[in-house]
C-alpha atoms as a PDB file:
ATOM      1  CA  MET A   1     146.873 146.162  40.823  1.00  0.00           C
ATOM      2  CA  SER A   2     147.257 142.463  41.537  1.00  0.00           C
ATOM      3  CA  GLN A   3     144.581 140.444  43.283  1.00  0.00           C
ATOM      4  CA  ASN A   4     146.896 139.915  46.271  1.00  0.00           C
ATOM      5  CA  ALA A   5     147.465 143.655  46.618  1.00  0.00           C
ATOM      6  CA  THR A   6     143.734 144.283  46.400  1.00  0.00           C
ATOM      7  CA  GLU A   7     143.058 141.634  49.041  1.00  0.00           C
ATOM      8  CA  ARG A   8     145.676 143.156  51.357  1.00  0.00           C
ATOM      9  CA  ILE A   9     144.171 146.634  50.961  1.00  0.00           C
ATOM     10  CA  HIS A  10     140.701 145.225  51.653  1.00  0.00           C
ATOM     11  CA  ALA A  11     141.967 143.428  54.767  1.00  0.00           C
ATOM     12  CA  THR A  12     143.596 146.631  56.039  1.00  0.00           C
ATOM     13  CA  MET A  13     140.405 148.583  55.412  1.00  0.00           C
ATOM     14  CA  GLN A  14     138.406 146.031  57.396  1.00  0.00           C
ATOM     15  CA  VAL A  15     140.772 146.423  60.352  1.00  0.00           C
ATOM     16  CA  THR A  16     140.720 150.218  60.210  1.00  0.00           C
ATOM     17  CA  ASP A  17     136.908 150.093  60.060  1.00  0.00           C
ATOM     18  CA  LEU A  18     136.885 148.016  63.258  1.00  0.00           C
ATOM     19  CA  ILE A  19     139.177 150.544  64.957  1.00  0.00           C
ATOM     20  CA  GLN A  20     137.099 153.477  63.702  1.00  0.00           C
ATOM     21  CA  ASN A  21     133.892 151.864  64.989  1.00  0.00           C
ATOM     22  CA  GLU A  22     135.448 151.183  68.398  1.00  0.00           C
ATOM     23  CA  ARG A  23     136.715 154.752  68.536  1.00  0.00           C
ATOM     24  CA  ALA A  24     133.216 156.033  67.774  1.00  0.00           C
ATOM     25  CA  ARG A  25     131.851 153.854  70.589  1.00  0.00           C
ATOM     26  CA  GLN A  26     134.480 155.225  72.989  1.00  0.00           C
ATOM     27  CA  ARG A  27     133.775 158.805  71.939  1.00  0.00           C
ATOM     28  CA  GLN A  28     130.047 158.242  72.489  1.00  0.00           C
ATOM     29  CA  GLN A  29     130.730 156.808  75.948  1.00  0.00           C
ATOM     30  CA  TRP A  30     133.379 159.225  77.195  1.00  0.00           C
ATOM     31  CA  GLY A  31     133.399 162.274  74.907  1.00  0.00           C
ATOM     32  CA  ASN A  32     136.318 164.412  73.804  1.00  0.00           C
ATOM     33  CA  ASP A  33     136.202 166.590  76.943  1.00  0.00           C
ATOM     34  CA  HIS A  34     137.006 163.539  79.048  1.00  0.00           C
ATOM     35  CA  ASP A  35     139.939 162.611  76.801  1.00  0.00           C
ATOM     36  CA  ASP A  36     141.279 166.162  76.735  1.00  0.00           C
ATOM     37  CA  ARG A  37     141.711 166.238  80.525  1.00  0.00           C
ATOM     38  CA  TRP A  38     144.094 163.273  80.565  1.00  0.00           C
ATOM     39  CA  SER A  39     147.830 163.683  81.026  1.00  0.00           C
ATOM     40  CA  ALA A  40     150.386 161.707  79.051  1.00  0.00           C
ATOM     41  CA  TRP A  41     150.944 159.557  82.153  1.00  0.00           C
ATOM     42  CA  GLN A  42     147.248 158.703  82.360  1.00  0.00           C
ATOM     43  CA  TRP A  43     147.168 157.766  78.691  1.00  0.00           C
ATOM     44  CA  LEU A  44     150.287 155.673  79.118  1.00  0.00           C
ATOM     45  CA  ALA A  45     148.747 153.857  82.085  1.00  0.00           C
ATOM     46  CA  LEU A  46     145.598 153.084  80.068  1.00  0.00           C
ATOM     47  CA  VAL A  47     147.612 151.784  77.119  1.00  0.00           C
ATOM     48  CA  ALA A  48     149.746 149.703  79.507  1.00  0.00           C
ATOM     49  CA  LYS A  49     146.592 148.246  81.084  1.00  0.00           C
ATOM     50  CA  TRP A  50     145.249 147.091  77.730  1.00  0.00           C
ATOM     51  CA  THR A  51     148.662 145.925  76.530  1.00  0.00           C
ATOM     52  CA  GLY A  52     148.820 143.850  79.722  1.00  0.00           C
ATOM     53  CA  LYS A  53     145.427 142.333  78.897  1.00  0.00           C
ATOM     54  CA  ILE A  54     146.792 141.387  75.478  1.00  0.00           C
ATOM     55  CA  GLY A  55     149.883 139.882  77.112  1.00  0.00           C
ATOM     56  CA  ASP A  56     147.769 137.890  79.556  1.00  0.00           C
ATOM     57  CA  HIS A  57     145.744 136.566  76.665  1.00  0.00           C
ATOM     58  CA  CYS A  58     148.869 135.559  74.728  1.00  0.00           C
ATOM     59  CA  LEU A  59     150.258 133.626  77.681  1.00  0.00           C
ATOM     60  CA  PHE A  60     147.487 131.109  77.094  1.00  0.00           C
ATOM     61  CA  GLY A  61     148.245 130.944  73.375  1.00  0.00           C
ATOM     62  CA  VAL A  62     146.351 131.652  70.240  1.00  0.00           C
ATOM     63  CA  GLY A  63     145.578 128.988  67.685  1.00  0.00           C
ATOM     64  CA  ILE A  64     145.826 128.705  63.964  1.00  0.00           C
ATOM     65  CA  PRO A  65     143.226 128.491  62.518  1.00  0.00           C
ATOM     66  CA  PRO A  66     141.519 131.138  64.654  1.00  0.00           C
ATOM     67  CA  LYS A  67     139.500 129.934  67.588  1.00  0.00           C
ATOM     68  CA  PRO A  68     136.918 131.857  69.649  1.00  0.00           C
ATOM     69  CA  ARG A  69     139.712 132.901  72.061  1.00  0.00           C
ATOM     70  CA  ASP A  70     141.463 134.560  69.134  1.00  0.00           C
ATOM     71  CA  MET A  71     138.416 136.746  68.462  1.00  0.00           C
ATOM     72  CA  ASN A  72     138.702 137.885  72.074  1.00  0.00           C
ATOM     73  CA  LEU A  73     142.341 138.808  71.397  1.00  0.00           C
ATOM     74  CA  LYS A  74     141.312 140.631  68.238  1.00  0.00           C
ATOM     75  CA  GLY A  75     138.807 142.676  70.252  1.00  0.00           C
ATOM     76  CA  LYS A  76     141.503 143.629  72.770  1.00  0.00           C
ATOM     77  CA  LEU A  77     143.857 144.667  69.965  1.00  0.00           C
ATOM     78  CA  VAL A  78     141.148 146.793  68.324  1.00  0.00           C
ATOM     79  CA  LYS A  79     140.262 148.440  71.648  1.00  0.00           C
ATOM     80  CA  THR A  80     143.929 149.217  72.334  1.00  0.00           C
ATOM     81  CA  ALA A  81     144.409 150.653  68.845  1.00  0.00           C
ATOM     82  CA  ALA A  82     141.335 152.856  69.310  1.00  0.00           C
ATOM     83  CA  ILE A  83     142.697 154.084  72.646  1.00  0.00           C
ATOM     84  CA  LEU A  84     145.930 155.062  70.902  1.00  0.00           C
ATOM     85  CA  VAL A  85     143.901 156.901  68.254  1.00  0.00           C
ATOM     86  CA  ALA A  86     142.029 158.739  71.028  1.00  0.00           C
ATOM     87  CA  TRP A  87     145.351 159.815  72.539  1.00  0.00           C
ATOM     88  CA  ILE A  88     146.553 161.125  69.162  1.00  0.00           C
ATOM     89  CA  GLU A  89     143.251 162.976  68.681  1.00  0.00           C
ATOM     90  CA  ALA A  90     143.612 164.572  72.130  1.00  0.00           C
ATOM     91  CA  ILE A  91     147.140 165.709  71.262  1.00  0.00           C
ATOM     92  CA  ASP A  92     145.912 167.191  67.985  1.00  0.00           C
ATOM     93  CA  ARG A  93     143.101 169.066  69.730  1.00  0.00           C
ATOM     94  CA  ARG A  94     145.511 170.392  72.340  1.00  0.00           C
ATOM     95  CA  TRP A  95     147.875 171.788  69.722  1.00  0.00           C
ATOM     96  CA  SER A  96     145.332 173.043  67.181  1.00  0.00           C
END
């Protein structure tokens, strides 16, 4: 495996670790029972809320190289991804 491929895999693993840690934090705060009571519309509204926060952030721009504002954007993206994972987990529990 090339060094570039290894670096890409490592970068992806770092991101998935961030999402997994945020999901664990959410599960600790809310629990699976809370998630299992939500309808698809409620999940969609929550995802839309966080997607809107990402959009609001992007309206003010993000810089290259990363600036502190970009870390705030990264946190919003991780939180939104973890919310989507929670929704998928709730679906899996419902149908298992």
